[in-house]
Amino acid sequence: MRTRWTDDRLDEQLGPLPAQLATLSAEFAVMRADMAAMRADLGHVKDDTRALRTDLNGFQLHVGKIGWALVASLMGTIAALIGTVAALLVALL
């Protein structure tokens, strides 16, 4: 059997819909505000990340300089050791 929907019956069924839509709209407004706050926080995170990268690049540069200084001092020590051994060999012969 087919039911016929009258205006009164439609009004009865759809009565709470405007209130529900208003509630939903208010919840979306809150979500939009939260998203805007999150975007602002992410902007600070981007700035902090950029500063951290700059610091790490500087640290990497210093570590590289220290490494090359150690290589140079090791080469000097090896050269001095070779010179000492050569002088001892010359003195023994």
N, C-alpha and C. Protein backbone atom coordinates (compact mmCIF):
# COMPACT_ATOMS: atom_id res chain seq x y z
N MET A 1 0.84 -1.18 0.00
CA MET A 1 0.00 0.00 0.00
C MET A 1 0.88 1.24 0.00
N ARG A 2 0.54 2.15 -0.83
CA ARG A 2 1.32 3.36 -0.98
C ARG A 2 0.83 4.41 0.00
N THR A 3 1.81 5.10 0.66
CA THR A 3 1.45 6.13 1.63
C THR A 3 1.55 7.48 0.97
N ARG A 4 0.57 8.28 1.24
CA ARG A 4 0.56 9.61 0.66
C ARG A 4 1.08 10.59 1.71
N TRP A 5 2.06 11.43 1.32
CA TRP A 5 2.67 12.39 2.23
C TRP A 5 1.95 13.72 2.09
N THR A 6 1.41 14.17 3.17
CA THR A 6 0.74 15.47 3.15
C THR A 6 1.71 16.52 3.66
N ASP A 7 1.38 17.77 3.49
CA ASP A 7 2.23 18.86 3.97
C ASP A 7 2.41 18.78 5.49
N ASP A 8 1.35 18.43 6.19
CA ASP A 8 1.46 18.32 7.64
C ASP A 8 2.42 17.20 8.04
N ARG A 9 2.32 16.10 7.33
CA ARG A 9 3.20 14.97 7.66
C ARG A 9 4.65 15.30 7.32
N LEU A 10 4.89 15.97 6.20
CA LEU A 10 6.24 16.40 5.84
C LEU A 10 6.78 17.38 6.88
N ASP A 11 5.97 18.33 7.30
CA ASP A 11 6.40 19.28 8.33
C ASP A 11 6.76 18.56 9.62
N GLU A 12 5.99 17.53 9.94
CA GLU A 12 6.25 16.78 11.16
C GLU A 12 7.58 16.04 11.08
N GLN A 13 7.86 15.44 9.93
CA GLN A 13 9.10 14.67 9.76
C GLN A 13 10.32 15.58 9.62
N LEU A 14 10.17 16.70 8.94
CA LEU A 14 11.29 17.60 8.68
C LEU A 14 11.40 18.73 9.70
N GLY A 15 10.57 18.72 10.71
CA GLY A 15 10.56 19.78 11.71
C GLY A 15 11.90 20.01 12.38
N PRO A 16 12.58 18.97 12.86
CA PRO A 16 13.86 19.19 13.55
C PRO A 16 15.04 19.48 12.60
N LEU A 17 14.84 19.37 11.31
CA LEU A 17 15.93 19.55 10.36
C LEU A 17 16.58 20.93 10.43
N PRO A 18 15.86 22.04 10.46
CA PRO A 18 16.53 23.34 10.55
C PRO A 18 17.39 23.49 11.81
N ALA A 19 16.93 22.97 12.92
CA ALA A 19 17.72 23.04 14.15
C ALA A 19 18.98 22.18 14.02
N GLN A 20 18.85 21.02 13.41
CA GLN A 20 20.01 20.15 13.22
C GLN A 20 21.02 20.80 12.28
N LEU A 21 20.52 21.45 11.22
CA LEU A 21 21.42 22.14 10.30
C LEU A 21 22.13 23.31 10.97
N ALA A 22 21.43 24.01 11.85
CA ALA A 22 22.05 25.11 12.58
C ALA A 22 23.15 24.59 13.51
N THR A 23 22.89 23.46 14.17
CA THR A 23 23.90 22.85 15.04
C THR A 23 25.11 22.41 14.23
N LEU A 24 24.85 21.81 13.10
CA LEU A 24 25.92 21.36 12.22
C LEU A 24 26.75 22.54 11.72
N SER A 25 26.08 23.62 11.35
CA SER A 25 26.77 24.81 10.90
C SER A 25 27.66 25.40 11.99
N ALA A 26 27.16 25.40 13.23
CA ALA A 26 27.96 25.90 14.35
C ALA A 26 29.18 25.01 14.59
N GLU A 27 29.01 23.70 14.47
CA GLU A 27 30.12 22.78 14.65
C GLU A 27 31.17 22.98 13.57
N PHE A 28 30.74 23.23 12.33
CA PHE A 28 31.69 23.50 11.26
C PHE A 28 32.44 24.81 11.50
N ALA A 29 31.78 25.79 12.05
CA ALA A 29 32.44 27.06 12.36
C ALA A 29 33.54 26.84 13.40
N VAL A 30 33.26 26.01 14.39
CA VAL A 30 34.27 25.69 15.40
C VAL A 30 35.44 24.95 14.77
N MET A 31 35.13 23.99 13.88
CA MET A 31 36.20 23.25 13.21
C MET A 31 37.06 24.16 12.35
N ARG A 32 36.42 25.12 11.66
CA ARG A 32 37.20 26.05 10.84
C ARG A 32 38.13 26.89 11.71
N ALA A 33 37.66 27.32 12.87
CA ALA A 33 38.50 28.09 13.78
C ALA A 33 39.66 27.24 14.29
N ASP A 34 39.38 25.98 14.61
CA ASP A 34 40.44 25.08 15.06
C ASP A 34 41.48 24.85 13.96
N MET A 35 41.01 24.70 12.73
CA MET A 35 41.93 24.51 11.62
C MET A 35 42.79 25.75 11.39
N ALA A 36 42.22 26.93 11.55
CA ALA A 36 43.01 28.16 11.41
C ALA A 36 44.08 28.24 12.49
N ALA A 37 43.74 27.84 13.70
CA ALA A 37 44.73 27.83 14.79
C ALA A 37 45.83 26.81 14.50
N MET A 38 45.45 25.66 13.96
CA MET A 38 46.45 24.65 13.62
C MET A 38 47.38 25.15 12.52
N ARG A 39 46.84 25.85 11.54
CA ARG A 39 47.68 26.41 10.48
C ARG A 39 48.69 27.40 11.05
N ALA A 40 48.25 28.21 11.99
CA ALA A 40 49.15 29.17 12.62
C ALA A 40 50.26 28.44 13.38
N ASP A 41 49.90 27.38 14.08
CA ASP A 41 50.90 26.59 14.79
C ASP A 41 51.88 25.94 13.82
N LEU A 42 51.38 25.47 12.69
CA LEU A 42 52.26 24.86 11.70
C LEU A 42 53.22 25.88 11.13
N GLY A 43 52.81 27.13 11.03
CA GLY A 43 53.72 28.17 10.57
C GLY A 43 54.90 28.32 11.52
N HIS A 44 54.63 28.23 12.83
CA HIS A 44 55.71 28.29 13.81
C HIS A 44 56.61 27.06 13.69
N VAL A 45 56.02 25.92 13.42
CA VAL A 45 56.81 24.69 13.28
C VAL A 45 57.73 24.81 12.06
N LYS A 46 57.22 25.38 10.97
CA LYS A 46 58.05 25.58 9.78
C LYS A 46 59.24 26.48 10.10
N ASP A 47 58.99 27.57 10.83
CA ASP A 47 60.08 28.47 11.19
C ASP A 47 61.10 27.77 12.08
N ASP A 48 60.61 26.99 13.05
CA ASP A 48 61.52 26.26 13.94
C ASP A 48 62.33 25.23 13.17
N THR A 49 61.70 24.54 12.23
CA THR A 49 62.39 23.55 11.42
C THR A 49 63.46 24.20 10.57
N ARG A 50 63.14 25.35 10.00
CA ARG A 50 64.12 26.08 9.17
C ARG A 50 65.32 26.49 10.02
N ALA A 51 65.08 26.98 11.24
CA ALA A 51 66.18 27.37 12.12
C ALA A 51 67.01 26.15 12.52
N LEU A 52 66.35 25.03 12.77
CA LEU A 52 67.07 23.81 13.14
C LEU A 52 67.95 23.33 11.99
N ARG A 53 67.44 23.41 10.77
CA ARG A 53 68.24 23.02 9.61
C ARG A 53 69.47 23.91 9.47
N THR A 54 69.31 25.19 9.70
CA THR A 54 70.43 26.11 9.62
C THR A 54 71.48 25.76 10.67
N ASP A 55 71.03 25.47 11.89
CA ASP A 55 71.96 25.08 12.95
C ASP A 55 72.68 23.77 12.61
N LEU A 56 71.95 22.81 12.08
CA LEU A 56 72.57 21.52 11.72
C LEU A 56 73.57 21.68 10.58
N ASN A 57 73.27 22.55 9.63
CA ASN A 57 74.22 22.79 8.55
C ASN A 57 75.51 23.40 9.08
N GLY A 58 75.38 24.34 10.02
CA GLY A 58 76.57 24.92 10.64
C GLY A 58 77.36 23.89 11.42
N PHE A 59 76.66 23.03 12.15
CA PHE A 59 77.31 21.96 12.92
C PHE A 59 78.05 21.02 11.98
N GLN A 60 77.42 20.66 10.87
CA GLN A 60 78.05 19.76 9.90
C GLN A 60 79.32 20.38 9.34
N LEU A 61 79.30 21.68 9.08
CA LEU A 61 80.48 22.37 8.58
C LEU A 61 81.62 22.30 9.59
N HIS A 62 81.31 22.53 10.86
CA HIS A 62 82.35 22.47 11.90
C HIS A 62 82.89 21.05 12.07
N VAL A 63 82.04 20.06 12.01
CA VAL A 63 82.50 18.67 12.12
C VAL A 63 83.42 18.33 10.95
N GLY A 64 83.09 18.80 9.77
CA GLY A 64 83.94 18.57 8.61
C GLY A 64 85.32 19.21 8.77
N LYS A 65 85.33 20.43 9.29
CA LYS A 65 86.62 21.11 9.52
C LYS A 65 87.45 20.37 10.56
N ILE A 66 86.81 19.91 11.62
CA ILE A 66 87.53 19.16 12.65
C ILE A 66 88.08 17.85 12.07
N GLY A 67 87.29 17.19 11.24
CA GLY A 67 87.74 15.95 10.61
C GLY A 67 88.97 16.17 9.74
N TRP A 68 88.95 17.22 8.92
CA TRP A 68 90.11 17.50 8.07
C TRP A 68 91.33 17.90 8.89
N ALA A 69 91.11 18.60 10.01
CA ALA A 69 92.22 18.95 10.89
C ALA A 69 92.84 17.69 11.49
N LEU A 70 92.01 16.74 11.88
CA LEU A 70 92.52 15.48 12.40
C LEU A 70 93.30 14.70 11.35
N VAL A 71 92.81 14.70 10.11
CA VAL A 71 93.52 14.02 9.02
C VAL A 71 94.88 14.68 8.80
N ALA A 72 94.92 16.01 8.80
CA ALA A 72 96.18 16.72 8.59
C ALA A 72 97.17 16.44 9.73
N SER A 73 96.69 16.42 10.96
CA SER A 73 97.60 16.15 12.08
C SER A 73 98.09 14.71 12.05
N LEU A 74 97.23 13.77 11.65
CA LEU A 74 97.64 12.38 11.52
C LEU A 74 98.70 12.22 10.43
N MET A 75 98.51 12.92 9.32
CA MET A 75 99.51 12.86 8.24
C MET A 75 100.84 13.45 8.70
N GLY A 76 100.77 14.54 9.46
CA GLY A 76 102.01 15.12 10.00
C GLY A 76 102.70 14.17 10.96
N THR A 77 101.94 13.49 11.79
CA THR A 77 102.51 12.52 12.73
C THR A 77 103.15 11.36 11.98
N ILE A 78 102.48 10.88 10.95
CA ILE A 78 103.03 9.78 10.14
C ILE A 78 104.31 10.23 9.46
N ALA A 79 104.31 11.45 8.92
CA ALA A 79 105.53 11.97 8.26
C ALA A 79 106.67 12.09 9.27
N ALA A 80 106.39 12.56 10.47
CA ALA A 80 107.43 12.68 11.49
C ALA A 80 107.96 11.30 11.89
N LEU A 81 107.06 10.33 12.00
CA LEU A 81 107.47 8.97 12.34
C LEU A 81 108.35 8.37 11.25
N ILE A 82 107.97 8.59 10.00
CA ILE A 82 108.78 8.09 8.88
C ILE A 82 110.16 8.76 8.89
N GLY A 83 110.16 10.06 9.14
CA GLY A 83 111.45 10.77 9.21
C GLY A 83 112.32 10.25 10.34
N THR A 84 111.75 9.96 11.49
CA THR A 84 112.50 9.44 12.63
C THR A 84 113.06 8.05 12.31
N VAL A 85 112.24 7.19 11.71
CA VAL A 85 112.69 5.85 11.34
C VAL A 85 113.80 5.94 10.29
N ALA A 86 113.65 6.84 9.33
CA ALA A 86 114.68 6.99 8.30
C ALA A 86 115.98 7.49 8.92
N ALA A 87 115.91 8.42 9.88
CA ALA A 87 117.13 8.93 10.52
C ALA A 87 117.80 7.83 11.32
N LEU A 88 117.03 6.99 11.99
CA LEU A 88 117.59 5.90 12.75
C LEU A 88 118.27 4.87 11.83
N LEU A 89 117.65 4.59 10.71
CA LEU A 89 118.24 3.65 9.73
C LEU A 89 119.54 4.18 9.16
N VAL A 90 119.58 5.48 8.88
CA VAL A 90 120.79 6.11 8.34
C VAL A 90 121.88 6.05 9.40
N ALA A 91 121.52 6.27 10.65
CA ALA A 91 122.51 6.26 11.72
C ALA A 91 123.05 4.86 11.98
N LEU A 92 122.20 3.84 11.78
CA LEU A 92 122.64 2.47 12.00
C LEU A 92 123.51 1.96 10.87
N LEU A 93 123.35 2.47 9.69
CA LEU A 93 124.12 1.98 8.55
C LEU A 93 125.35 2.79 8.44
